[in-house]
Amino acid sequence: MGSETRWLENDELAAWKSLSTLLFKLPGVLDYQLQRDSALSHFEYLVLAGLSESPGRSLRMSDLAGFANGSLSRLSHVVKRLEQRGFVTRRPAEDDGRITVATITDAGYDVLVAAAPGHVATVREYVVDTLTPAQLAELKTIADQILAKVDPSKAC
């Protein structure tokens, strides 16, 4: 009927276990630091960063969802919370009223600017500074290769 399962060899299983654990643990570390220091989740930080880096500090919600690696549904809930906190505004797109555009407010930008140093320090501590420059380049190559398989639209 189907092909036989290609079970993982010991070295493959060890690599998978390490990656699987990292995929679980690292987001928690990033989230914890941002929550503790800035009262932002990592996803909220990504949303604000995406808006801050965009022309006019605005993006269509669908584009913002892609930038933040989240579903449109999840993004809508998060943007609603950010809007209630005064960090984001939403409005219909000028060229198509069916599309919603999110814009970071000055207050949202200030929160992001205040959160960025701690976030960058955490990324450095747990990822960048634990690797040699060659390992960091290899990590990017490996991550890009896996990402091209998982989400070809994000392939570098």
N, C-alpha and C. Protein backbone atom coordinates (compact mmCIF):
# COMPACT_ATOMS: atom_id res chain seq x y z
N MET A 1 0.83 -1.18 0.00
CA MET A 1 0.00 0.00 0.00
C MET A 1 0.89 1.25 0.00
N GLY A 2 1.56 1.58 1.09
CA GLY A 2 2.40 2.76 1.17
C GLY A 2 3.85 2.37 1.32
N SER A 3 4.70 3.34 1.27
CA SER A 3 6.12 3.06 1.44
C SER A 3 6.41 2.85 2.92
N GLU A 4 7.50 2.17 3.17
CA GLU A 4 7.90 1.91 4.54
C GLU A 4 8.38 3.19 5.20
N THR A 5 8.17 3.30 6.48
CA THR A 5 8.62 4.47 7.23
C THR A 5 10.14 4.50 7.26
N ARG A 6 10.70 5.66 6.96
CA ARG A 6 12.15 5.85 7.04
C ARG A 6 12.45 6.38 8.44
N TRP A 7 12.67 5.49 9.39
CA TRP A 7 12.93 5.89 10.76
C TRP A 7 14.21 6.68 10.83
N LEU A 8 14.30 7.56 11.79
CA LEU A 8 15.48 8.39 11.96
C LEU A 8 16.63 7.57 12.53
N GLU A 9 17.80 7.77 11.95
CA GLU A 9 19.03 7.18 12.48
C GLU A 9 19.38 7.92 13.77
N ASN A 10 20.28 7.36 14.57
CA ASN A 10 20.62 7.97 15.86
C ASN A 10 21.07 9.42 15.74
N ASP A 11 21.95 9.71 14.76
CA ASP A 11 22.43 11.09 14.61
C ASP A 11 21.31 12.01 14.12
N GLU A 12 20.43 11.51 13.27
CA GLU A 12 19.29 12.29 12.80
C GLU A 12 18.31 12.57 13.94
N LEU A 13 18.06 11.57 14.75
CA LEU A 13 17.17 11.72 15.90
C LEU A 13 17.74 12.71 16.91
N ALA A 14 19.04 12.64 17.15
CA ALA A 14 19.68 13.57 18.08
C ALA A 14 19.56 15.01 17.58
N ALA A 15 19.79 15.22 16.27
CA ALA A 15 19.67 16.56 15.69
C ALA A 15 18.22 17.05 15.78
N TRP A 16 17.27 16.16 15.47
CA TRP A 16 15.87 16.53 15.53
C TRP A 16 15.45 16.89 16.96
N LYS A 17 15.89 16.11 17.94
CA LYS A 17 15.54 16.40 19.33
C LYS A 17 16.08 17.75 19.77
N SER A 18 17.31 18.06 19.37
CA SER A 18 17.90 19.35 19.72
C SER A 18 17.12 20.49 19.08
N LEU A 19 16.81 20.36 17.79
CA LEU A 19 16.05 21.41 17.10
C LEU A 19 14.65 21.54 17.68
N SER A 20 14.00 20.43 17.94
CA SER A 20 12.65 20.44 18.49
C SER A 20 12.62 21.14 19.85
N THR A 21 13.59 20.85 20.68
CA THR A 21 13.67 21.50 21.99
C THR A 21 13.92 23.00 21.83
N LEU A 22 14.82 23.36 20.93
CA LEU A 22 15.11 24.77 20.67
C LEU A 22 13.86 25.50 20.18
N LEU A 23 13.11 24.89 19.28
CA LEU A 23 11.90 25.51 18.75
C LEU A 23 10.87 25.76 19.84
N PHE A 24 10.90 24.97 20.88
CA PHE A 24 9.99 25.13 22.01
C PHE A 24 10.52 26.14 23.02
N LYS A 25 11.80 26.04 23.36
CA LYS A 25 12.37 26.84 24.45
C LYS A 25 12.69 28.28 24.08
N LEU A 26 13.26 28.52 22.90
CA LEU A 26 13.69 29.86 22.54
C LEU A 26 12.54 30.87 22.48
N PRO A 27 11.40 30.55 21.88
CA PRO A 27 10.30 31.52 21.91
C PRO A 27 9.88 31.90 23.33
N GLY A 28 9.93 30.96 24.25
CA GLY A 28 9.59 31.25 25.64
C GLY A 28 10.57 32.23 26.27
N VAL A 29 11.85 32.08 25.98
CA VAL A 29 12.87 32.99 26.50
C VAL A 29 12.64 34.39 25.95
N LEU A 30 12.39 34.50 24.65
CA LEU A 30 12.16 35.81 24.03
C LEU A 30 10.89 36.45 24.57
N ASP A 31 9.84 35.66 24.68
CA ASP A 31 8.56 36.15 25.19
C ASP A 31 8.69 36.62 26.65
N TYR A 32 9.37 35.82 27.46
CA TYR A 32 9.53 36.16 28.88
C TYR A 32 10.22 37.51 29.05
N GLN A 33 11.32 37.72 28.34
CA GLN A 33 12.07 38.97 28.47
C GLN A 33 11.21 40.15 28.05
N LEU A 34 10.52 40.04 26.93
CA LEU A 34 9.70 41.15 26.45
C LEU A 34 8.53 41.43 27.40
N GLN A 35 7.89 40.37 27.89
CA GLN A 35 6.78 40.55 28.83
C GLN A 35 7.27 41.22 30.12
N ARG A 36 8.38 40.72 30.63
CA ARG A 36 8.92 41.24 31.89
C ARG A 36 9.34 42.71 31.76
N ASP A 37 10.05 43.03 30.70
CA ASP A 37 10.64 44.36 30.57
C ASP A 37 9.75 45.38 29.87
N SER A 38 8.83 44.92 29.03
CA SER A 38 8.08 45.86 28.19
C SER A 38 6.59 45.61 28.13
N ALA A 39 6.11 44.58 28.80
CA ALA A 39 4.69 44.21 28.76
C ALA A 39 4.21 43.96 27.34
N LEU A 40 5.10 43.39 26.52
CA LEU A 40 4.77 43.00 25.14
C LEU A 40 5.07 41.52 24.96
N SER A 41 4.26 40.84 24.17
CA SER A 41 4.61 39.48 23.75
C SER A 41 5.58 39.59 22.57
N HIS A 42 6.25 38.52 22.26
CA HIS A 42 7.16 38.52 21.12
C HIS A 42 6.38 38.82 19.84
N PHE A 43 5.19 38.27 19.71
CA PHE A 43 4.37 38.51 18.52
C PHE A 43 3.98 39.99 18.44
N GLU A 44 3.60 40.60 19.57
CA GLU A 44 3.27 42.02 19.57
C GLU A 44 4.49 42.85 19.16
N TYR A 45 5.66 42.46 19.65
CA TYR A 45 6.89 43.15 19.29
C TYR A 45 7.12 43.06 17.78
N LEU A 46 6.94 41.88 17.21
CA LEU A 46 7.12 41.71 15.76
C LEU A 46 6.13 42.56 14.97
N VAL A 47 4.90 42.65 15.45
CA VAL A 47 3.89 43.47 14.77
C VAL A 47 4.32 44.93 14.80
N LEU A 48 4.71 45.43 15.95
CA LEU A 48 5.14 46.82 16.05
C LEU A 48 6.40 47.06 15.21
N ALA A 49 7.33 46.12 15.23
CA ALA A 49 8.56 46.26 14.43
C ALA A 49 8.23 46.30 12.95
N GLY A 50 7.34 45.43 12.50
CA GLY A 50 6.96 45.41 11.10
C GLY A 50 6.35 46.73 10.66
N LEU A 51 5.51 47.29 11.50
CA LEU A 51 4.90 48.58 11.17
C LEU A 51 5.94 49.69 11.17
N SER A 52 6.84 49.67 12.15
CA SER A 52 7.84 50.74 12.27
C SER A 52 8.79 50.77 11.08
N GLU A 53 9.02 49.61 10.46
CA GLU A 53 9.97 49.50 9.35
C GLU A 53 9.32 49.75 8.00
N SER A 54 8.02 49.95 7.97
CA SER A 54 7.29 50.11 6.71
C SER A 54 7.13 51.58 6.34
N PRO A 55 7.02 51.86 5.04
CA PRO A 55 6.79 53.25 4.62
C PRO A 55 5.52 53.79 5.28
N GLY A 56 5.63 54.97 5.84
CA GLY A 56 4.49 55.58 6.51
C GLY A 56 4.12 54.87 7.80
N ARG A 57 4.98 53.96 8.24
CA ARG A 57 4.73 53.15 9.44
C ARG A 57 3.38 52.44 9.38
N SER A 58 2.99 52.03 8.17
CA SER A 58 1.70 51.38 7.94
C SER A 58 1.87 50.17 7.04
N LEU A 59 1.00 49.18 7.25
CA LEU A 59 0.97 47.99 6.39
C LEU A 59 -0.45 47.47 6.31
N ARG A 60 -0.77 46.87 5.17
CA ARG A 60 -2.02 46.12 5.07
C ARG A 60 -1.93 44.95 6.04
N MET A 61 -3.05 44.63 6.64
CA MET A 61 -3.06 43.56 7.64
C MET A 61 -2.51 42.25 7.07
N SER A 62 -2.85 41.93 5.83
CA SER A 62 -2.37 40.67 5.24
C SER A 62 -0.85 40.68 5.11
N ASP A 63 -0.27 41.81 4.75
CA ASP A 63 1.19 41.91 4.65
C ASP A 63 1.84 41.85 6.03
N LEU A 64 1.19 42.48 6.99
CA LEU A 64 1.70 42.46 8.36
C LEU A 64 1.67 41.05 8.93
N ALA A 65 0.63 40.29 8.63
CA ALA A 65 0.55 38.90 9.08
C ALA A 65 1.72 38.09 8.53
N GLY A 66 2.04 38.31 7.26
CA GLY A 66 3.18 37.63 6.65
C GLY A 66 4.49 38.02 7.31
N PHE A 67 4.67 39.30 7.57
CA PHE A 67 5.89 39.78 8.22
C PHE A 67 6.06 39.16 9.60
N ALA A 68 4.97 39.11 10.36
CA ALA A 68 5.03 38.63 11.74
C ALA A 68 4.90 37.11 11.85
N ASN A 69 4.75 36.43 10.72
CA ASN A 69 4.62 34.97 10.70
C ASN A 69 3.42 34.49 11.50
N GLY A 70 2.30 35.17 11.33
CA GLY A 70 1.08 34.79 12.03
C GLY A 70 -0.11 34.75 11.08
N SER A 71 -1.15 34.11 11.52
CA SER A 71 -2.38 34.08 10.72
C SER A 71 -3.06 35.43 10.79
N LEU A 72 -3.89 35.71 9.83
CA LEU A 72 -4.65 36.96 9.81
C LEU A 72 -5.58 37.03 11.02
N SER A 73 -6.13 35.90 11.42
CA SER A 73 -7.01 35.84 12.58
C SER A 73 -6.24 36.21 13.86
N ARG A 74 -5.09 35.59 14.05
CA ARG A 74 -4.27 35.89 15.24
C ARG A 74 -3.86 37.36 15.23
N LEU A 75 -3.44 37.83 14.06
CA LEU A 75 -3.01 39.22 13.94
C LEU A 75 -4.15 40.18 14.29
N SER A 76 -5.35 39.88 13.83
CA SER A 76 -6.49 40.76 14.11
C SER A 76 -6.71 40.90 15.61
N HIS A 77 -6.61 39.80 16.34
CA HIS A 77 -6.79 39.84 17.79
C HIS A 77 -5.68 40.66 18.45
N VAL A 78 -4.46 40.46 18.01
CA VAL A 78 -3.33 41.17 18.61
C VAL A 78 -3.40 42.66 18.28
N VAL A 79 -3.72 42.99 17.04
CA VAL A 79 -3.81 44.40 16.66
C VAL A 79 -4.95 45.09 17.42
N LYS A 80 -6.02 44.36 17.66
CA LYS A 80 -7.12 44.93 18.45
C LYS A 80 -6.62 45.29 19.85
N ARG A 81 -5.85 44.38 20.47
CA ARG A 81 -5.30 44.66 21.81
C ARG A 81 -4.32 45.83 21.77
N LEU A 82 -3.47 45.87 20.73
CA LEU A 82 -2.52 46.97 20.60
C LEU A 82 -3.24 48.29 20.36
N GLU A 83 -4.33 48.23 19.64
CA GLU A 83 -5.14 49.42 19.38
C GLU A 83 -5.77 49.93 20.68
N GLN A 84 -6.25 49.00 21.51
CA GLN A 84 -6.84 49.38 22.80
C GLN A 84 -5.81 50.03 23.72
N ARG A 85 -4.55 49.66 23.54
CA ARG A 85 -3.47 50.23 24.36
C ARG A 85 -2.93 51.53 23.76
N GLY A 86 -3.45 51.92 22.60
CA GLY A 86 -3.02 53.15 21.95
C GLY A 86 -1.76 53.03 21.14
N PHE A 87 -1.33 51.80 20.81
CA PHE A 87 -0.08 51.58 20.09
C PHE A 87 -0.27 51.48 18.58
N VAL A 88 -1.48 51.20 18.13
CA VAL A 88 -1.77 50.97 16.71
C VAL A 88 -3.14 51.57 16.40
N THR A 89 -3.30 52.02 15.17
CA THR A 89 -4.62 52.40 14.67
C THR A 89 -4.90 51.57 13.43
N ARG A 90 -6.18 51.40 13.14
CA ARG A 90 -6.60 50.68 11.91
C ARG A 90 -7.55 51.58 11.12
N ARG A 91 -7.46 51.44 9.78
CA ARG A 91 -8.36 52.18 8.90
C ARG A 91 -8.48 51.41 7.59
N PRO A 92 -9.55 51.67 6.85
CA PRO A 92 -9.66 51.04 5.53
C PRO A 92 -8.57 51.59 4.59
N ALA A 93 -8.11 50.74 3.67
CA ALA A 93 -7.12 51.18 2.67
C ALA A 93 -7.76 52.20 1.75
N GLU A 94 -6.99 53.20 1.35
CA GLU A 94 -7.50 54.26 0.49
C GLU A 94 -7.93 53.73 -0.86
N ASP A 95 -7.21 52.74 -1.40
CA ASP A 95 -7.51 52.22 -2.73
C ASP A 95 -8.52 51.09 -2.74
N ASP A 96 -8.82 50.52 -1.56
CA ASP A 96 -9.77 49.42 -1.47
C ASP A 96 -10.30 49.34 -0.04
N GLY A 97 -11.49 49.82 0.17
CA GLY A 97 -12.08 49.88 1.50
C GLY A 97 -12.30 48.54 2.16
N ARG A 98 -12.18 47.45 1.40
CA ARG A 98 -12.34 46.11 1.99
C ARG A 98 -11.08 45.67 2.72
N ILE A 99 -9.99 46.37 2.47
CA ILE A 99 -8.69 46.02 3.06
C ILE A 99 -8.41 46.95 4.23
N THR A 100 -7.90 46.37 5.33
CA THR A 100 -7.58 47.16 6.51
C THR A 100 -6.08 47.41 6.57
N VAL A 101 -5.73 48.64 6.91
CA VAL A 101 -4.34 49.05 7.07
C VAL A 101 -4.10 49.37 8.54
N ALA A 102 -3.01 48.86 9.08
CA ALA A 102 -2.61 49.15 10.46
C ALA A 102 -1.46 50.14 10.43
N THR A 103 -1.46 51.04 11.40
CA THR A 103 -0.41 52.06 11.51
C THR A 103 0.05 52.11 12.96
N ILE A 104 1.36 52.15 13.17
CA ILE A 104 1.88 52.29 14.52
C ILE A 104 1.74 53.76 14.94
N THR A 105 1.31 54.00 16.15
CA THR A 105 1.17 55.36 16.68
C THR A 105 2.51 55.80 17.26
N ASP A 106 2.60 57.07 17.61
CA ASP A 106 3.82 57.56 18.27
C ASP A 106 4.04 56.82 19.59
N ALA A 107 2.96 56.56 20.32
CA ALA A 107 3.08 55.82 21.59
C ALA A 107 3.57 54.40 21.33
N GLY A 108 3.07 53.76 20.29
CA GLY A 108 3.52 52.42 19.94
C GLY A 108 4.98 52.40 19.52
N TYR A 109 5.38 53.41 18.77
CA TYR A 109 6.77 53.52 18.35
C TYR A 109 7.67 53.71 19.57
N ASP A 110 7.24 54.55 20.50
CA ASP A 110 8.03 54.78 21.71
C ASP A 110 8.19 53.50 22.53
N VAL A 111 7.13 52.71 22.63
CA VAL A 111 7.20 51.43 23.35
C VAL A 111 8.17 50.49 22.65
N LEU A 112 8.10 50.44 21.32
CA LEU A 112 8.99 49.58 20.55
C LEU A 112 10.45 50.01 20.74
N VAL A 113 10.72 51.29 20.63
CA VAL A 113 12.08 51.81 20.80
C VAL A 113 12.61 51.48 22.19
N ALA A 114 11.76 51.60 23.19
CA ALA A 114 12.17 51.27 24.56
C ALA A 114 12.41 49.77 24.74
N ALA A 115 11.64 48.93 24.03
CA ALA A 115 11.76 47.48 24.16
C ALA A 115 12.94 46.91 23.37
N ALA A 116 13.34 47.57 22.30
CA ALA A 116 14.34 47.02 21.38
C ALA A 116 15.67 46.69 22.04
N PRO A 117 16.27 47.55 22.86
CA PRO A 117 17.58 47.19 23.43
C PRO A 117 17.56 45.89 24.25
N GLY A 118 16.55 45.69 25.07
CA GLY A 118 16.45 44.46 25.85
C GLY A 118 16.23 43.24 24.97
N HIS A 119 15.41 43.41 23.93
CA HIS A 119 15.15 42.29 23.02
C HIS A 119 16.44 41.91 22.28
N VAL A 120 17.13 42.91 21.77
CA VAL A 120 18.38 42.65 21.04
C VAL A 120 19.41 42.01 21.97
N ALA A 121 19.49 42.48 23.20
CA ALA A 121 20.44 41.89 24.16
C ALA A 121 20.11 40.42 24.40
N THR A 122 18.81 40.09 24.46
CA THR A 122 18.41 38.69 24.67
C THR A 122 18.73 37.84 23.45
N VAL A 123 18.47 38.36 22.26
CA VAL A 123 18.82 37.64 21.03
C VAL A 123 20.32 37.42 20.97
N ARG A 124 21.09 38.43 21.34
CA ARG A 124 22.55 38.28 21.35
C ARG A 124 22.97 37.20 22.35
N GLU A 125 22.44 37.30 23.57
CA GLU A 125 22.84 36.38 24.64
C GLU A 125 22.53 34.92 24.30
N TYR A 126 21.34 34.67 23.77
CA TYR A 126 20.91 33.29 23.58
C TYR A 126 21.19 32.73 22.20
N VAL A 127 21.48 33.59 21.22
CA VAL A 127 21.71 33.08 19.86
C VAL A 127 23.04 33.59 19.30
N VAL A 128 23.12 34.86 19.01
CA VAL A 128 24.24 35.40 18.24
C VAL A 128 25.58 35.19 18.92
N ASP A 129 25.67 35.54 20.18
CA ASP A 129 26.97 35.46 20.87
C ASP A 129 27.37 34.04 21.27
N THR A 130 26.46 33.07 21.13
CA THR A 130 26.83 31.69 21.43
C THR A 130 27.47 30.99 20.23
N LEU A 131 27.47 31.67 19.08
CA LEU A 131 27.98 31.08 17.85
C LEU A 131 29.17 31.87 17.33
N THR A 132 30.05 31.17 16.62
CA THR A 132 31.12 31.86 15.90
C THR A 132 30.51 32.51 14.66
N PRO A 133 31.21 33.46 14.04
CA PRO A 133 30.69 34.03 12.80
C PRO A 133 30.41 32.97 11.73
N ALA A 134 31.26 31.96 11.64
CA ALA A 134 31.04 30.90 10.66
C ALA A 134 29.79 30.09 11.00
N GLN A 135 29.60 29.79 12.28
CA GLN A 135 28.40 29.06 12.71
C GLN A 135 27.13 29.88 12.46
N LEU A 136 27.21 31.18 12.69
CA LEU A 136 26.07 32.05 12.46
C LEU A 136 25.70 32.06 10.98
N ALA A 137 26.68 32.12 10.12
CA ALA A 137 26.43 32.06 8.67
C ALA A 137 25.83 30.70 8.30
N GLU A 138 26.34 29.64 8.90
CA GLU A 138 25.81 28.30 8.65
C GLU A 138 24.37 28.17 9.16
N LEU A 139 24.11 28.76 10.32
CA LEU A 139 22.74 28.75 10.87
C LEU A 139 21.78 29.41 9.90
N LYS A 140 22.17 30.54 9.33
CA LYS A 140 21.32 31.23 8.37
C LYS A 140 21.07 30.35 7.15
N THR A 141 22.11 29.73 6.65
CA THR A 141 21.97 28.85 5.48
C THR A 141 21.02 27.70 5.79
N ILE A 142 21.20 27.07 6.93
CA ILE A 142 20.36 25.95 7.34
C ILE A 142 18.92 26.40 7.53
N ALA A 143 18.73 27.50 8.26
CA ALA A 143 17.37 28.00 8.51
C ALA A 143 16.68 28.36 7.19
N ASP A 144 17.41 29.01 6.28
CA ASP A 144 16.83 29.37 4.98
C ASP A 144 16.44 28.13 4.18
N GLN A 145 17.26 27.10 4.26
CA GLN A 145 16.98 25.85 3.52
C GLN A 145 15.72 25.17 4.06
N ILE A 146 15.59 25.12 5.37
CA ILE A 146 14.40 24.52 5.97
C ILE A 146 13.17 25.39 5.69
N LEU A 147 13.35 26.69 5.83
CA LEU A 147 12.25 27.62 5.58
C LEU A 147 11.74 27.53 4.14
N ALA A 148 12.63 27.32 3.19
CA ALA A 148 12.22 27.18 1.78
C ALA A 148 11.30 25.98 1.59
N LYS A 149 11.48 24.95 2.40
CA LYS A 149 10.63 23.76 2.34
C LYS A 149 9.32 23.98 3.09
N VAL A 150 9.40 24.63 4.26
CA VAL A 150 8.22 24.84 5.10
C VAL A 150 7.31 25.91 4.52
N ASP A 151 7.91 27.01 4.03
CA ASP A 151 7.14 28.14 3.51
C ASP A 151 7.90 28.76 2.35
N PRO A 152 7.70 28.24 1.15
CA PRO A 152 8.46 28.74 -0.02
C PRO A 152 8.31 30.25 -0.23
N SER A 153 7.24 30.86 0.22
CA SER A 153 7.06 32.30 0.04
C SER A 153 8.03 33.10 0.90
N LYS A 154 8.61 32.48 1.92
CA LYS A 154 9.56 33.15 2.80
C LYS A 154 11.01 32.83 2.45
N ALA A 155 11.21 32.01 1.45
CA ALA A 155 12.57 31.59 1.09
C ALA A 155 13.43 32.79 0.71
N CYS A 156 14.67 32.79 1.19
CA CYS A 156 15.59 33.89 0.90
C CYS A 156 16.41 33.60 -0.33
